[in-house]
Each structure stands twice: as structure tokens, then as C-alpha cells.
């Protein structure tokens, strides 16, 4: 059923509009993506919000560290200390090299906090920031999405960064010769006939882990964003055709109830997805320390 919104959009048009990114080419000119993979443009909204939230997250962690005291900690300091201790304990269980943990533990903490903040943008009202952006640029049809982790390019960028860290530790811990030997001898053995098969299996493993790492986060956040849009449509239809004597009245009640329940449940989702991404990061980096 196509229900029209306040701006004359059907439900499908409303969702399609909200799923479109603000896309610019490298001359900062507005363009639209023409294929599934298009390296001639970038999603400017995802870049803006991810960089901004990353800077805010680092500032908050720095603020907690700067104001840390040896006495009774405040609530904010205690929360950060609990989080840091949780990450450090998880890192100890996966990465046994103490020198590596000096870099990997803060990295994992930053990853968790950063992804949590990006995920939490999904809890804002669906139309709040997009309408604000449209008003700022004077274009009621301008595109703007505010959940960076609901963008596949963002999550795959994060997973590719984890892959780079894993490759770095493979080289650092095993050396070029040791890692090269592992690539052609694991998992099936060191016989020269098996070298090409082993190398192919290693490449497939790295590609599969990287793609699934990014796709898992993207899939969950994209689905959550879509559910919020559907709930917003219920409220939009209710406001557009408000009549206490018709069924449209109950859409308003359903909008409030469904929105509240889904928002509460989504707090668990955004936290869990940030934790899963962090744990997989630790596991993959830990695997790069292990010799086969």
C-alpha cells in the first residue's frame, strides 16, 4: 500500500530517498552512483559523520584519561576504566604477546567506542538531521544519511583496516620468510605440489574474513535503520490523515509503542555489534601471531 507523506511522497519513495547517500565526486560535485562498485565518487555524509564521531570519541577518551585520579573515580572515569579493563582482559585471552597488546588493546578500545558511537546515530529521529541538512542547503530533496555503519563502504573500510593490521603483525612476528613459508604450506602440508592449493586457501580465508567482518556490521545496522524508517512511516501516515474515528488513529499509537520498544532493543544491538566487531578484530590479530 502506498501511503503519502507530508511532502507528497509514497512510502516507497520516502524509504528510497532516505536510503540514498549524499554522493560527491573528487571535484566535490554532486553525482549519483551508476554501478554497484563505483570508485569515482564517495559518500560524503558517511565520511563526515564517521570522522566527526571518531574525533569526538577520541576526545572523550582523552578527557577521561586526563582527568583520571587515583582516588574515588567519577562516573565517567569509572565507565571508561571498566570498558578499558574489559577490552584488556579480552585482549589477554587472545593475544599472548605483551608488547603487541600495548598497541592492540588501545586500538580495540578505540574501535569499540567509535563503532558504538556511529551505531548510536541510529537512535536519533529518522528525519531530524536530514531535514536540518536540507534546510541548511536550501534543497528539500537533498540526500543525507547519518548512520555511517549502515553504509557498506564504511564497514568494509574498517574491515580492510583490520586486514592491514593483521598483515603487519604477520610480517612483524613471523618475518617475511616465515610468513611466506606459512602461506604455501598451511593448511594441507609442505609438499611442493600442495603449495598453489595452500596459497589459494590462504587468500580465500583472508578475503572471506575481511568481507564477512564488514558485511556483518553493515547488515545489522542497515536492517535496524530500515525498521526505524518503517516505524516513522506509521507516524507520518497518522499525522497526514489524522482522524480519531478511522484506523489511522491507531497508527499513531503503534508508532509510539513500536518506536519505543525498537529503540530500547536497538540499544542492545548497537552495543553488541560494536563488541562483536572488536572481538573479531582481536581474534584476527591474535591469529596473525600464531604459527602453523
C-alpha atoms as a PDB file:
ATOM      1  CA  UNK A   1       0.000   0.000   0.000  1.00  0.00           C
ATOM      2  CA  UNK A   2       1.433   3.403  -0.950  1.00  0.00           C
ATOM      3  CA  UNK A   3       0.822   5.919   1.790  1.00  0.00           C
ATOM      4  CA  UNK A   4       1.702   9.523   1.018  1.00  0.00           C
ATOM      5  CA  UNK A   5       3.784  11.590   3.411  1.00  0.00           C
ATOM      6  CA  UNK A   6       3.754  15.251   4.217  1.00  0.00           C
ATOM      7  CA  UNK A   7       5.737  16.093   1.077  1.00  0.00           C
ATOM      8  CA  UNK A   8       3.599  14.006  -1.275  1.00  0.00           C
ATOM      9  CA  UNK A   9       5.941  11.016  -1.275  1.00  0.00           C
ATOM     10  CA  UNK A  10       4.741   7.457  -1.351  1.00  0.00           C
ATOM     11  CA  UNK A  11       6.071   5.066   1.278  1.00  0.00           C
ATOM     12  CA  UNK A  12       8.449   3.549  -1.265  1.00  0.00           C
ATOM     13  CA  UNK A  13       9.723   6.954  -2.362  1.00  0.00           C
ATOM     14  CA  UNK A  14      10.218   8.002   1.259  1.00  0.00           C
ATOM     15  CA  UNK A  15      12.346   4.942   2.040  1.00  0.00           C
ATOM     16  CA  UNK A  16      14.257   5.182  -1.227  1.00  0.00           C
ATOM     17  CA  UNK A  17      15.064   8.830  -0.530  1.00  0.00           C
ATOM     18  CA  UNK A  18      16.334   8.056   2.956  1.00  0.00           C
ATOM     19  CA  UNK A  19      18.498   5.207   1.675  1.00  0.00           C
ATOM     20  CA  UNK A  20      20.306   7.478  -0.788  1.00  0.00           C
ATOM     21  CA  UNK A  21      23.654   8.932   0.292  1.00  0.00           C
ATOM     22  CA  UNK A  22      24.989  12.400  -0.332  1.00  0.00           C
ATOM     23  CA  UNK A  23      27.458  11.384  -3.033  1.00  0.00           C
ATOM     24  CA  UNK A  24      30.208  13.606  -4.417  1.00  0.00           C
ATOM     25  CA  UNK A  25      32.926  13.084  -6.972  1.00  0.00           C
ATOM     26  CA  UNK A  26      36.503  14.092  -6.202  1.00  0.00           C
ATOM     27  CA  UNK A  27      35.794  17.588  -7.517  1.00  0.00           C
ATOM     28  CA  UNK A  28      33.177  17.818  -4.727  1.00  0.00           C
ATOM     29  CA  UNK A  29      30.336  17.912  -7.250  1.00  0.00           C
ATOM     30  CA  UNK A  30      27.057  16.039  -6.533  1.00  0.00           C
ATOM     31  CA  UNK A  31      26.765  12.807  -8.541  1.00  0.00           C
ATOM     32  CA  UNK A  32      24.828   9.543  -8.393  1.00  0.00           C
ATOM     33  CA  UNK A  33      26.272   6.079  -8.274  1.00  0.00           C
ATOM     34  CA  UNK A  34      25.829   4.243 -11.584  1.00  0.00           C
ATOM     35  CA  UNK A  35      27.076   0.775 -10.668  1.00  0.00           C
ATOM     36  CA  UNK A  36      27.441  -1.448  -7.621  1.00  0.00           C
ATOM     37  CA  UNK A  37      31.132  -0.577  -7.389  1.00  0.00           C
ATOM     38  CA  UNK A  38      31.993   2.992  -8.371  1.00  0.00           C
ATOM     39  CA  UNK A  39      35.335   4.425  -7.283  1.00  0.00           C
ATOM     40  CA  UNK A  40      34.689   7.753  -8.999  1.00  0.00           C
ATOM     41  CA  UNK A  41      32.686   9.033  -6.023  1.00  0.00           C
ATOM     42  CA  UNK A  42      32.389   8.823  -2.253  1.00  0.00           C
ATOM     43  CA  UNK A  43      29.571   9.038   0.284  1.00  0.00           C
ATOM     44  CA  UNK A  44      30.244  12.442   1.787  1.00  0.00           C
ATOM     45  CA  UNK A  45      27.734  12.042   4.615  1.00  0.00           C
ATOM     46  CA  UNK A  46      29.320   8.794   5.827  1.00  0.00           C
ATOM     47  CA  UNK A  47      32.789  10.340   5.674  1.00  0.00           C
ATOM     48  CA  UNK A  48      31.662  13.447   7.576  1.00  0.00           C
ATOM     49  CA  UNK A  49      29.846  11.641  10.390  1.00  0.00           C
ATOM     50  CA  UNK A  50      32.438   8.882  10.807  1.00  0.00           C
ATOM     51  CA  UNK A  51      35.314  11.388  11.035  1.00  0.00           C
ATOM     52  CA  UNK A  52      33.358  13.671  13.369  1.00  0.00           C
ATOM     53  CA  UNK A  53      32.303  10.838  15.675  1.00  0.00           C
ATOM     54  CA  UNK A  54      35.818   9.384  15.621  1.00  0.00           C
ATOM     55  CA  UNK A  55      37.233  12.748  16.712  1.00  0.00           C
ATOM     56  CA  UNK A  56      34.576  13.136  19.423  1.00  0.00           C
ATOM     57  CA  UNK A  57      35.196   9.583  20.659  1.00  0.00           C
ATOM     58  CA  UNK A  58      38.975  10.114  20.876  1.00  0.00           C
ATOM     59  CA  UNK A  59      38.396  13.428  22.666  1.00  0.00           C
ATOM     60  CA  UNK A  60      36.120  11.774  25.235  1.00  0.00           C
ATOM     61  CA  UNK A  61      38.650   9.004  25.912  1.00  0.00           C
ATOM     62  CA  UNK A  62      41.442  11.576  26.172  1.00  0.00           C
ATOM     63  CA  UNK A  63      39.314  13.652  28.538  1.00  0.00           C
ATOM     64  CA  UNK A  64      38.745  10.624  30.775  1.00  0.00           C
ATOM     65  CA  UNK A  65      42.480   9.852  30.816  1.00  0.00           C
ATOM     66  CA  UNK A  66      43.447  13.478  31.524  1.00  0.00           C
ATOM     67  CA  UNK A  67      41.031  13.812  34.434  1.00  0.00           C
ATOM     68  CA  UNK A  68      41.809  10.389  35.913  1.00  0.00           C
ATOM     69  CA  UNK A  69      42.552  10.428  39.618  1.00  0.00           C
ATOM     70  CA  UNK A  70      43.903   7.822  41.997  1.00  0.00           C
ATOM     71  CA  UNK A  71      41.076   8.396  44.436  1.00  0.00           C
ATOM     72  CA  UNK A  72      37.414   7.570  44.054  1.00  0.00           C
ATOM     73  CA  UNK A  73      36.658   7.945  40.329  1.00  0.00           C
ATOM     74  CA  UNK A  74      33.688   9.829  38.967  1.00  0.00           C
ATOM     75  CA  UNK A  75      31.010   8.108  36.936  1.00  0.00           C
ATOM     76  CA  UNK A  76      32.542   8.926  33.568  1.00  0.00           C
ATOM     77  CA  UNK A  77      36.036   7.885  34.618  1.00  0.00           C
ATOM     78  CA  UNK A  78      34.691   4.684  36.189  1.00  0.00           C
ATOM     79  CA  UNK A  79      32.779   3.815  32.993  1.00  0.00           C
ATOM     80  CA  UNK A  80      35.864   4.317  30.830  1.00  0.00           C
ATOM     81  CA  UNK A  81      38.029   2.318  33.248  1.00  0.00           C
ATOM     82  CA  UNK A  82      35.550  -0.570  33.242  1.00  0.00           C
ATOM     83  CA  UNK A  83      35.468  -0.518  29.450  1.00  0.00           C
ATOM     84  CA  UNK A  84      39.263  -0.361  29.184  1.00  0.00           C
ATOM     85  CA  UNK A  85      39.643  -3.246  31.653  1.00  0.00           C
ATOM     86  CA  UNK A  86      37.080  -5.310  29.722  1.00  0.00           C
ATOM     87  CA  UNK A  87      38.962  -4.797  26.463  1.00  0.00           C
ATOM     88  CA  UNK A  88      42.327  -5.536  28.083  1.00  0.00           C
ATOM     89  CA  UNK A  89      41.029  -8.792  29.574  1.00  0.00           C
ATOM     90  CA  UNK A  90      39.663  -9.874  26.201  1.00  0.00           C
ATOM     91  CA  UNK A  91      42.970  -8.998  24.547  1.00  0.00           C
ATOM     92  CA  UNK A  92      44.942 -11.025  27.112  1.00  0.00           C
ATOM     93  CA  UNK A  93      42.848 -14.093  26.332  1.00  0.00           C
ATOM     94  CA  UNK A  94      43.561 -13.847  22.599  1.00  0.00           C
ATOM     95  CA  UNK A  95      46.942 -12.131  22.191  1.00  0.00           C
ATOM     96  CA  UNK A  96      49.648 -13.524  24.453  1.00  0.00           C
ATOM     97  CA  UNK A  97      52.389 -11.168  23.270  1.00  0.00           C
ATOM     98  CA  UNK A  98      52.526  -8.374  25.862  1.00  0.00           C
ATOM     99  CA  UNK A  99      54.324  -5.981  23.505  1.00  0.00           C
ATOM    100  CA  UNK A 100      51.624  -6.370  20.868  1.00  0.00           C
ATOM    101  CA  UNK A 101      48.885  -5.707  23.418  1.00  0.00           C
ATOM    102  CA  UNK A 102      50.341  -2.264  24.104  1.00  0.00           C
ATOM    103  CA  UNK A 103      49.113  -1.268  20.641  1.00  0.00           C
ATOM    104  CA  UNK A 104      46.278  -3.711  20.024  1.00  0.00           C
ATOM    105  CA  UNK A 105      44.378  -3.090  23.296  1.00  0.00           C
ATOM    106  CA  UNK A 106      44.038   0.706  22.774  1.00  0.00           C
ATOM    107  CA  UNK A 107      43.209   0.003  19.125  1.00  0.00           C
ATOM    108  CA  UNK A 108      40.425  -2.398  20.122  1.00  0.00           C
ATOM    109  CA  UNK A 109      39.094   0.077  22.706  1.00  0.00           C
ATOM    110  CA  UNK A 110      39.012   2.825  20.073  1.00  0.00           C
ATOM    111  CA  UNK A 111      37.303   0.520  17.569  1.00  0.00           C
ATOM    112  CA  UNK A 112      34.608  -0.419  20.070  1.00  0.00           C
ATOM    113  CA  UNK A 113      33.929   3.157  21.179  1.00  0.00           C
ATOM    114  CA  UNK A 114      33.996   4.530  17.633  1.00  0.00           C
ATOM    115  CA  UNK A 115      31.647   1.907  16.207  1.00  0.00           C
ATOM    116  CA  UNK A 116      29.307   2.241  19.183  1.00  0.00           C
ATOM    117  CA  UNK A 117      29.024   5.989  18.581  1.00  0.00           C
ATOM    118  CA  UNK A 118      28.411   5.515  14.854  1.00  0.00           C
ATOM    119  CA  UNK A 119      25.791   2.857  15.585  1.00  0.00           C
ATOM    120  CA  UNK A 120      24.126   5.103  18.164  1.00  0.00           C
ATOM    121  CA  UNK A 121      23.282   7.645  15.449  1.00  0.00           C
ATOM    122  CA  UNK A 122      20.515   5.225  14.528  1.00  0.00           C
ATOM    123  CA  UNK A 123      18.693   6.168  17.748  1.00  0.00           C
ATOM    124  CA  UNK A 124      18.132   9.746  16.571  1.00  0.00           C
ATOM    125  CA  UNK A 125      14.768  10.528  14.924  1.00  0.00           C
ATOM    126  CA  UNK A 126      14.950   9.402  11.295  1.00  0.00           C
ATOM    127  CA  UNK A 127      14.169  12.811   9.775  1.00  0.00           C
ATOM    128  CA  UNK A 128      15.873  15.079  12.329  1.00  0.00           C
ATOM    129  CA  UNK A 129      19.339  15.592  10.834  1.00  0.00           C
ATOM    130  CA  UNK A 130      18.365  15.025   7.162  1.00  0.00           C
ATOM    131  CA  UNK A 131      15.716  17.773   7.423  1.00  0.00           C
ATOM    132  CA  UNK A 132      18.232  20.009   9.172  1.00  0.00           C
ATOM    133  CA  UNK A 133      20.694  19.460   6.331  1.00  0.00           C
ATOM    134  CA  UNK A 134      18.003  20.158   3.729  1.00  0.00           C
ATOM    135  CA  UNK A 135      17.138  23.412   5.472  1.00  0.00           C
ATOM    136  CA  UNK A 136      20.813  24.391   5.665  1.00  0.00           C
ATOM    137  CA  UNK A 137      21.465  23.880   1.949  1.00  0.00           C
ATOM    138  CA  UNK A 138      18.030  25.137   0.873  1.00  0.00           C
ATOM    139  CA  UNK A 139      17.143  21.962  -1.017  1.00  0.00           C
ATOM    140  CA  UNK A 140      14.141  19.947   0.164  1.00  0.00           C
ATOM    141  CA  UNK A 141      15.255  16.979  -1.955  1.00  0.00           C
ATOM    142  CA  UNK A 142      18.872  16.817  -0.756  1.00  0.00           C
ATOM    143  CA  UNK A 143      20.117  13.412   0.367  1.00  0.00           C
ATOM    144  CA  UNK A 144      21.756  12.820   3.736  1.00  0.00           C
ATOM    145  CA  UNK A 145      22.262   9.672   5.828  1.00  0.00           C
ATOM    146  CA  UNK A 146      23.667   9.876   9.339  1.00  0.00           C
ATOM    147  CA  UNK A 147      24.472   6.253  10.279  1.00  0.00           C
ATOM    148  CA  UNK A 148      27.953   5.556   8.863  1.00  0.00           C
ATOM    149  CA  UNK A 149      27.856   1.857   9.770  1.00  0.00           C
ATOM    150  CA  UNK A 150      24.714   1.393   7.635  1.00  0.00           C
ATOM    151  CA  UNK A 151      26.989   2.183   4.677  1.00  0.00           C
ATOM    152  CA  UNK A 152      28.852  -0.831   3.264  1.00  0.00           C
ATOM    153  CA  UNK A 153      31.797   1.321   2.184  1.00  0.00           C
ATOM    154  CA  UNK A 154      32.350   2.349   5.820  1.00  0.00           C
ATOM    155  CA  UNK A 155      32.202  -1.143   7.301  1.00  0.00           C
ATOM    156  CA  UNK A 156      34.359  -2.662   4.564  1.00  0.00           C
ATOM    157  CA  UNK A 157      36.821   0.182   5.069  1.00  0.00           C
ATOM    158  CA  UNK A 158      37.005  -0.741   8.747  1.00  0.00           C
ATOM    159  CA  UNK A 159      37.472  -4.436   7.986  1.00  0.00           C
ATOM    160  CA  UNK A 160      40.175  -3.644   5.403  1.00  0.00           C
ATOM    161  CA  UNK A 161      41.973  -1.625   8.077  1.00  0.00           C
ATOM    162  CA  UNK A 162      41.874  -4.681  10.351  1.00  0.00           C
ATOM    163  CA  UNK A 163      43.292  -6.755   7.483  1.00  0.00           C
ATOM    164  CA  UNK A 164      46.199  -4.311   7.145  1.00  0.00           C
ATOM    165  CA  UNK A 165      46.907  -4.635  10.889  1.00  0.00           C
ATOM    166  CA  UNK A 166      46.848  -8.442  10.570  1.00  0.00           C
ATOM    167  CA  UNK A 167      49.269  -8.378   7.622  1.00  0.00           C
ATOM    168  CA  UNK A 168      51.555  -6.062   9.594  1.00  0.00           C
ATOM    169  CA  UNK A 169      51.710  -8.441  12.550  1.00  0.00           C
ATOM    170  CA  UNK A 170      52.209 -11.458  10.298  1.00  0.00           C
ATOM    171  CA  UNK A 171      55.314  -9.775   8.921  1.00  0.00           C
ATOM    172  CA  UNK A 172      56.468  -8.432  12.292  1.00  0.00           C
ATOM    173  CA  UNK A 173      56.054 -11.657  14.279  1.00  0.00           C
ATOM    174  CA  UNK A 174      56.956 -14.265  11.644  1.00  0.00           C
ATOM    175  CA  UNK A 175      59.183 -12.307   9.312  1.00  0.00           C
ATOM    176  CA  UNK A 176      58.847 -12.257   5.543  1.00  0.00           C
ATOM    177  CA  UNK A 177      60.374 -15.710   5.160  1.00  0.00           C
ATOM    178  CA  UNK A 178      58.323 -17.329   7.915  1.00  0.00           C
ATOM    179  CA  UNK A 179      55.037 -15.866   6.724  1.00  0.00           C
ATOM    180  CA  UNK A 180      55.779 -16.740   3.085  1.00  0.00           C
ATOM    181  CA  UNK A 181      56.507 -20.310   4.151  1.00  0.00           C
ATOM    182  CA  UNK A 182      53.227 -20.442   6.070  1.00  0.00           C
ATOM    183  CA  UNK A 183      51.256 -19.146   3.080  1.00  0.00           C
ATOM    184  CA  UNK A 184      52.331 -22.073   0.904  1.00  0.00           C
ATOM    185  CA  UNK A 185      52.496 -24.868   3.494  1.00  0.00           C
ATOM    186  CA  UNK A 186      49.317 -24.365   5.581  1.00  0.00           C
ATOM    187  CA  UNK A 187      46.820 -25.900   5.967  1.00  0.00           C
ATOM    188  CA  UNK A 188      47.490 -29.040   3.880  1.00  0.00           C
ATOM    189  CA  UNK A 189      51.225 -29.581   4.263  1.00  0.00           C
ATOM    190  CA  UNK A 190      54.628 -28.654   2.887  1.00  0.00           C
ATOM    191  CA  UNK A 191      54.726 -30.842  -0.246  1.00  0.00           C
ATOM    192  CA  UNK A 192      55.535 -28.638  -3.279  1.00  0.00           C
ATOM    193  CA  UNK A 193      52.523 -29.990  -5.161  1.00  0.00           C
ATOM    194  CA  UNK A 194      50.259 -28.521  -2.473  1.00  0.00           C
ATOM    195  CA  UNK A 195      51.818 -25.043  -2.497  1.00  0.00           C
ATOM    196  CA  UNK A 196      49.389 -23.489  -5.015  1.00  0.00           C
ATOM    197  CA  UNK A 197      46.386 -25.013  -3.217  1.00  0.00           C
ATOM    198  CA  UNK A 198      47.610 -23.792   0.172  1.00  0.00           C
ATOM    199  CA  UNK A 199      48.221 -20.288  -1.184  1.00  0.00           C
ATOM    200  CA  UNK A 200      44.747 -20.208  -2.762  1.00  0.00           C
ATOM    201  CA  UNK A 201      43.152 -21.342   0.503  1.00  0.00           C
ATOM    202  CA  UNK A 202      45.043 -18.667   2.463  1.00  0.00           C
ATOM    203  CA  UNK A 203      43.894 -15.946   0.051  1.00  0.00           C
ATOM    204  CA  UNK A 204      40.298 -17.167   0.249  1.00  0.00           C
ATOM    205  CA  UNK A 205      40.496 -17.170   4.055  1.00  0.00           C
ATOM    206  CA  UNK A 206      41.767 -13.588   4.226  1.00  0.00           C
ATOM    207  CA  UNK A 207      39.174 -12.356   1.722  1.00  0.00           C
ATOM    208  CA  UNK A 208      36.309 -14.229   3.419  1.00  0.00           C
ATOM    209  CA  UNK A 209      37.219 -12.950   6.896  1.00  0.00           C
ATOM    210  CA  UNK A 210      37.530  -9.365   5.672  1.00  0.00           C
ATOM    211  CA  UNK A 211      34.263  -9.365   3.711  1.00  0.00           C
ATOM    212  CA  UNK A 212      32.240 -11.127   6.414  1.00  0.00           C
ATOM    213  CA  UNK A 213      33.724  -8.822   9.073  1.00  0.00           C
ATOM    214  CA  UNK A 214      32.383  -5.758   7.299  1.00  0.00           C
ATOM    215  CA  UNK A 215      29.164  -7.291   5.974  1.00  0.00           C
ATOM    216  CA  UNK A 216      28.022  -8.476   9.414  1.00  0.00           C
ATOM    217  CA  UNK A 217      28.099  -4.979  10.891  1.00  0.00           C
ATOM    218  CA  UNK A 218      26.580  -3.398   7.787  1.00  0.00           C
ATOM    219  CA  UNK A 219      23.736  -5.918   7.555  1.00  0.00           C
ATOM    220  CA  UNK A 220      22.621  -5.471  11.144  1.00  0.00           C
ATOM    221  CA  UNK A 221      22.778  -1.677  11.092  1.00  0.00           C
ATOM    222  CA  UNK A 222      21.124  -1.376   7.673  1.00  0.00           C
ATOM    223  CA  UNK A 223      18.246  -3.592   8.824  1.00  0.00           C
ATOM    224  CA  UNK A 224      17.841  -1.569  12.019  1.00  0.00           C
ATOM    225  CA  UNK A 225      17.777   1.692  10.065  1.00  0.00           C
ATOM    226  CA  UNK A 226      15.156   0.282   7.709  1.00  0.00           C
ATOM    227  CA  UNK A 227      12.927  -0.752  10.628  1.00  0.00           C
ATOM    228  CA  UNK A 228      13.136   2.772  12.052  1.00  0.00           C
ATOM    229  CA  UNK A 229      12.041   4.144   8.665  1.00  0.00           C
ATOM    230  CA  UNK A 230       9.028   1.828   8.607  1.00  0.00           C
ATOM    231  CA  UNK A 231       8.084   2.937  12.131  1.00  0.00           C
ATOM    232  CA  UNK A 232       8.490   6.578  11.066  1.00  0.00           C
ATOM    233  CA  UNK A 233       6.089   5.932   8.179  1.00  0.00           C
ATOM    234  CA  UNK A 234       3.433   4.826  10.653  1.00  0.00           C
ATOM    235  CA  UNK A 235       3.668   8.181  12.408  1.00  0.00           C
ATOM    236  CA  UNK A 236       3.776  10.035   9.098  1.00  0.00           C
ATOM    237  CA  UNK A 237       0.583   8.409   7.823  1.00  0.00           C
ATOM    238  CA  UNK A 238      -1.137   9.072  11.172  1.00  0.00           C
ATOM    239  CA  UNK A 239      -0.184  12.762  11.091  1.00  0.00           C
ATOM    240  CA  UNK A 240      -1.202  13.143   7.439  1.00  0.00           C
ATOM    241  CA  UNK A 241      -4.648  11.622   7.739  1.00  0.00           C
ATOM    242  CA  UNK A 242      -5.403  12.063  11.437  1.00  0.00           C
ATOM    243  CA  UNK A 243      -8.938  11.059  12.282  1.00  0.00           C
ATOM    244  CA  UNK A 244      -9.871   9.532  15.656  1.00  0.00           C
ATOM    245  CA  UNK A 245     -12.803   7.746  14.002  1.00  0.00           C
ATOM    246  CA  UNK A 246     -10.671   5.815  11.484  1.00  0.00           C
ATOM    247  CA  UNK A 247      -7.985   3.165  11.714  1.00  0.00           C
ATOM    248  CA  UNK A 248      -5.339   5.815  11.072  1.00  0.00           C
ATOM    249  CA  UNK A 249      -5.641   6.823  14.713  1.00  0.00           C
ATOM    250  CA  UNK A 250      -4.165   3.511  15.807  1.00  0.00           C
ATOM    251  CA  UNK A 251      -1.142   4.038  13.579  1.00  0.00           C
ATOM    252  CA  UNK A 252      -0.123   6.876  15.894  1.00  0.00           C
ATOM    253  CA  UNK A 253      -0.410   4.616  18.942  1.00  0.00           C
ATOM    254  CA  UNK A 254       1.500   1.868  17.139  1.00  0.00           C
ATOM    255  CA  UNK A 255       4.154   4.378  16.083  1.00  0.00           C
ATOM    256  CA  UNK A 256       4.857   5.395  19.687  1.00  0.00           C
ATOM    257  CA  UNK A 257       4.827   1.848  21.065  1.00  0.00           C
ATOM    258  CA  UNK A 258       6.840   0.269  18.234  1.00  0.00           C
ATOM    259  CA  UNK A 259       9.315   3.143  18.187  1.00  0.00           C
ATOM    260  CA  UNK A 260       9.918   2.944  21.929  1.00  0.00           C
ATOM    261  CA  UNK A 261      10.273  -0.844  22.000  1.00  0.00           C
ATOM    262  CA  UNK A 262      12.559  -0.959  18.967  1.00  0.00           C
ATOM    263  CA  UNK A 263      14.732   1.884  20.295  1.00  0.00           C
ATOM    264  CA  UNK A 264      15.221   0.088  23.630  1.00  0.00           C
ATOM    265  CA  UNK A 265      16.008  -3.193  21.865  1.00  0.00           C
ATOM    266  CA  UNK A 266      18.295  -1.367  19.438  1.00  0.00           C
ATOM    267  CA  UNK A 267      20.477  -0.155  22.312  1.00  0.00           C
ATOM    268  CA  UNK A 268      21.430  -3.806  22.808  1.00  0.00           C
ATOM    269  CA  UNK A 269      22.016  -4.280  19.077  1.00  0.00           C
ATOM    270  CA  UNK A 270      24.330  -1.304  18.644  1.00  0.00           C
ATOM    271  CA  UNK A 271      26.368  -2.307  21.700  1.00  0.00           C
ATOM    272  CA  UNK A 272      26.534  -5.966  20.702  1.00  0.00           C
ATOM    273  CA  UNK A 273      27.591  -5.188  17.133  1.00  0.00           C
ATOM    274  CA  UNK A 274      30.378  -2.907  18.357  1.00  0.00           C
ATOM    275  CA  UNK A 275      31.538  -5.622  20.768  1.00  0.00           C
ATOM    276  CA  UNK A 276      31.441  -8.336  18.073  1.00  0.00           C
ATOM    277  CA  UNK A 277      33.453  -6.213  15.654  1.00  0.00           C
ATOM    278  CA  UNK A 278      36.009  -5.508  18.388  1.00  0.00           C
ATOM    279  CA  UNK A 279      36.262  -9.190  19.362  1.00  0.00           C
ATOM    280  CA  UNK A 280      36.715 -10.311  15.763  1.00  0.00           C
ATOM    281  CA  UNK A 281      39.426  -7.690  15.405  1.00  0.00           C
ATOM    282  CA  UNK A 282      41.236  -9.139  18.424  1.00  0.00           C
ATOM    283  CA  UNK A 283      40.760 -12.710  17.180  1.00  0.00           C
ATOM    284  CA  UNK A 284      42.070 -11.952  13.686  1.00  0.00           C
ATOM    285  CA  UNK A 285      45.067 -10.053  15.054  1.00  0.00           C
ATOM    286  CA  UNK A 286      45.672 -12.908  17.508  1.00  0.00           C
ATOM    287  CA  UNK A 287      45.629 -15.418  14.645  1.00  0.00           C
ATOM    288  CA  UNK A 288      48.309 -13.403  12.887  1.00  0.00           C
ATOM    289  CA  UNK A 289      50.573 -14.110  15.873  1.00  0.00           C
ATOM    290  CA  UNK A 290      50.081 -17.879  15.684  1.00  0.00           C
ATOM    291  CA  UNK A 291      52.412 -20.022  13.593  1.00  0.00           C
ATOM    292  CA  UNK A 292      51.045 -23.017  11.679  1.00  0.00           C
END
